[in-house]
Amino acid sequence: MTEVPDAEIKACDAAVTLAFSVLGKRWNGMILSSLGAGATTFVGLRRAVSGISDAVLSDRLAELSGAGLAARTVEAGPPVSVSYELTDAGRRLLPVLDQLGAWARENLEPTAPLRG
């Protein structure tokens, strides 16, 4: 068996920690999944992600955009129209999220709902 150098282990851990700092937040997976169906508006996302407040949705969209997973497009009006869609990185993430969900269903016991 080949031993993995500490630097590689630390780099992998840092990458996974970074990924989960974004993906581990409540609602982000549902938002990404909803955007996987195609570009939509803020109102469309609010309808698709039942139970999320406008403020939290706005914060999560800004975070996902900042992480390069979603893009915000503003079209001059009247009326002004704002839409959101996945970036290439966001589209490449969807199968990974599906695999993670399948793994969790098969291997983890459900617990009380998380808040946050």
Protein backbone atom coordinates (compact mmCIF):
# COMPACT_ATOMS: atom_id res chain seq x y z
CA MET A 1 0.00 0.00 0.00
CA THR A 2 1.31 3.45 -0.94
CA GLU A 3 1.31 6.04 1.80
CA VAL A 4 -0.30 9.39 0.96
CA PRO A 5 1.87 12.39 1.89
CA ASP A 6 0.56 14.66 4.65
CA ALA A 7 0.47 17.63 2.26
CA GLU A 8 -1.94 15.77 -0.05
CA ILE A 9 -4.16 14.74 2.86
CA LYS A 10 -4.27 18.33 4.15
CA ALA A 11 -5.04 19.70 0.67
CA CYS A 12 -7.88 17.20 0.22
CA ASP A 13 -9.27 17.98 3.68
CA ALA A 14 -9.11 21.71 2.95
CA ALA A 15 -10.94 21.24 -0.37
CA VAL A 16 -13.67 19.10 1.22
CA THR A 17 -14.03 21.58 4.09
CA LEU A 18 -14.38 24.43 1.60
CA ALA A 19 -16.98 22.52 -0.43
CA PHE A 20 -19.07 21.71 2.63
CA SER A 21 -18.84 25.27 3.93
CA VAL A 22 -21.02 26.17 0.94
CA LEU A 23 -22.91 22.95 0.25
CA GLY A 24 -23.58 22.13 3.89
CA LYS A 25 -25.77 25.15 4.46
CA ARG A 26 -29.48 24.59 4.65
CA TRP A 27 -31.32 25.31 1.39
CA ASN A 28 -28.25 25.42 -0.90
CA GLY A 29 -28.77 21.89 -2.20
CA MET A 30 -32.45 22.59 -2.92
CA ILE A 31 -31.60 25.85 -4.67
CA LEU A 32 -28.96 24.17 -6.83
CA SER A 33 -31.33 21.33 -7.64
CA SER A 34 -34.07 23.79 -8.61
CA LEU A 35 -31.67 25.70 -10.84
CA GLY A 36 -30.77 22.39 -12.46
CA ALA A 37 -34.16 22.54 -14.21
CA GLY A 38 -33.09 25.75 -15.95
CA ALA A 39 -32.90 29.49 -15.45
CA THR A 40 -35.58 30.99 -13.27
CA THR A 41 -36.49 34.13 -11.36
CA PHE A 42 -36.26 34.86 -7.66
CA VAL A 43 -40.01 34.26 -7.34
CA GLY A 44 -39.68 30.98 -9.22
CA LEU A 45 -36.97 29.85 -6.79
CA ARG A 46 -39.01 30.95 -3.78
CA ARG A 47 -41.88 28.79 -5.03
CA ALA A 48 -39.59 25.83 -5.77
CA VAL A 49 -37.83 25.97 -2.38
CA SER A 50 -40.78 25.78 -0.03
CA GLY A 51 -40.30 27.35 3.39
CA ILE A 52 -37.33 29.62 2.62
CA SER A 53 -37.61 33.31 3.49
CA ASP A 54 -36.82 36.03 0.95
CA ALA A 55 -33.85 37.23 3.02
CA VAL A 56 -32.31 33.76 3.30
CA LEU A 57 -32.91 33.02 -0.40
CA SER A 58 -31.23 36.30 -1.31
CA ASP A 59 -28.25 35.50 0.94
CA ARG A 60 -27.92 31.96 -0.41
CA LEU A 61 -28.09 33.13 -4.03
CA ALA A 62 -25.37 35.70 -3.36
CA GLU A 63 -23.25 33.00 -1.73
CA LEU A 64 -23.77 30.51 -4.57
CA SER A 65 -22.96 33.23 -7.09
CA GLY A 66 -19.84 34.18 -5.14
CA ALA A 67 -18.75 30.54 -5.15
CA GLY A 68 -19.14 30.40 -8.93
CA LEU A 69 -22.02 27.91 -8.87
CA ALA A 70 -24.86 30.21 -9.92
CA ALA A 71 -25.06 33.25 -12.17
CA ARG A 72 -27.36 36.26 -11.85
CA THR A 73 -28.50 37.97 -15.04
CA VAL A 74 -30.25 41.35 -15.09
CA GLU A 75 -32.17 42.32 -18.23
CA ALA A 76 -33.09 45.97 -18.65
CA GLY A 77 -36.79 46.60 -18.76
CA PRO A 78 -39.17 47.90 -18.45
CA PRO A 79 -39.76 45.99 -16.33
CA VAL A 80 -36.31 44.97 -15.15
CA SER A 81 -35.98 41.18 -15.08
CA VAL A 82 -33.53 39.22 -12.94
CA SER A 83 -32.90 35.52 -13.51
CA TYR A 84 -30.62 32.91 -11.98
CA GLU A 85 -29.03 29.87 -13.55
CA LEU A 86 -26.28 27.37 -12.87
CA THR A 87 -22.79 28.01 -14.14
CA ASP A 88 -20.79 25.19 -15.74
CA ALA A 89 -19.34 24.41 -12.30
CA GLY A 90 -22.84 24.28 -10.83
CA ARG A 91 -24.03 21.90 -13.56
CA ARG A 92 -21.01 19.64 -12.96
CA LEU A 93 -21.89 19.59 -9.26
CA LEU A 94 -25.43 18.20 -9.71
CA PRO A 95 -24.41 14.56 -10.32
CA VAL A 96 -22.11 14.75 -7.29
CA LEU A 97 -25.00 15.98 -5.13
CA ASP A 98 -27.19 13.17 -6.48
CA GLN A 99 -24.50 10.62 -5.60
CA LEU A 100 -24.04 12.13 -2.13
CA GLY A 101 -27.80 11.98 -1.54
CA ALA A 102 -27.94 8.33 -2.64
CA TRP A 103 -25.01 7.48 -0.36
CA ALA A 104 -26.65 9.28 2.59
CA ARG A 105 -29.97 7.46 2.07
CA GLU A 106 -28.15 4.11 2.03
CA ASN A 107 -25.70 4.72 4.87
CA LEU A 108 -26.92 7.35 7.32
CA GLU A 109 -29.73 7.14 9.83
CA PRO A 110 -32.20 10.05 9.72
CA THR A 111 -31.93 12.41 12.69
CA ALA A 112 -33.79 15.47 13.85
CA PRO A 113 -33.93 18.24 11.20
CA LEU A 114 -31.03 20.65 11.21
CA ARG A 115 -31.56 24.37 11.60
CA GLY A 116 -29.56 27.07 9.85
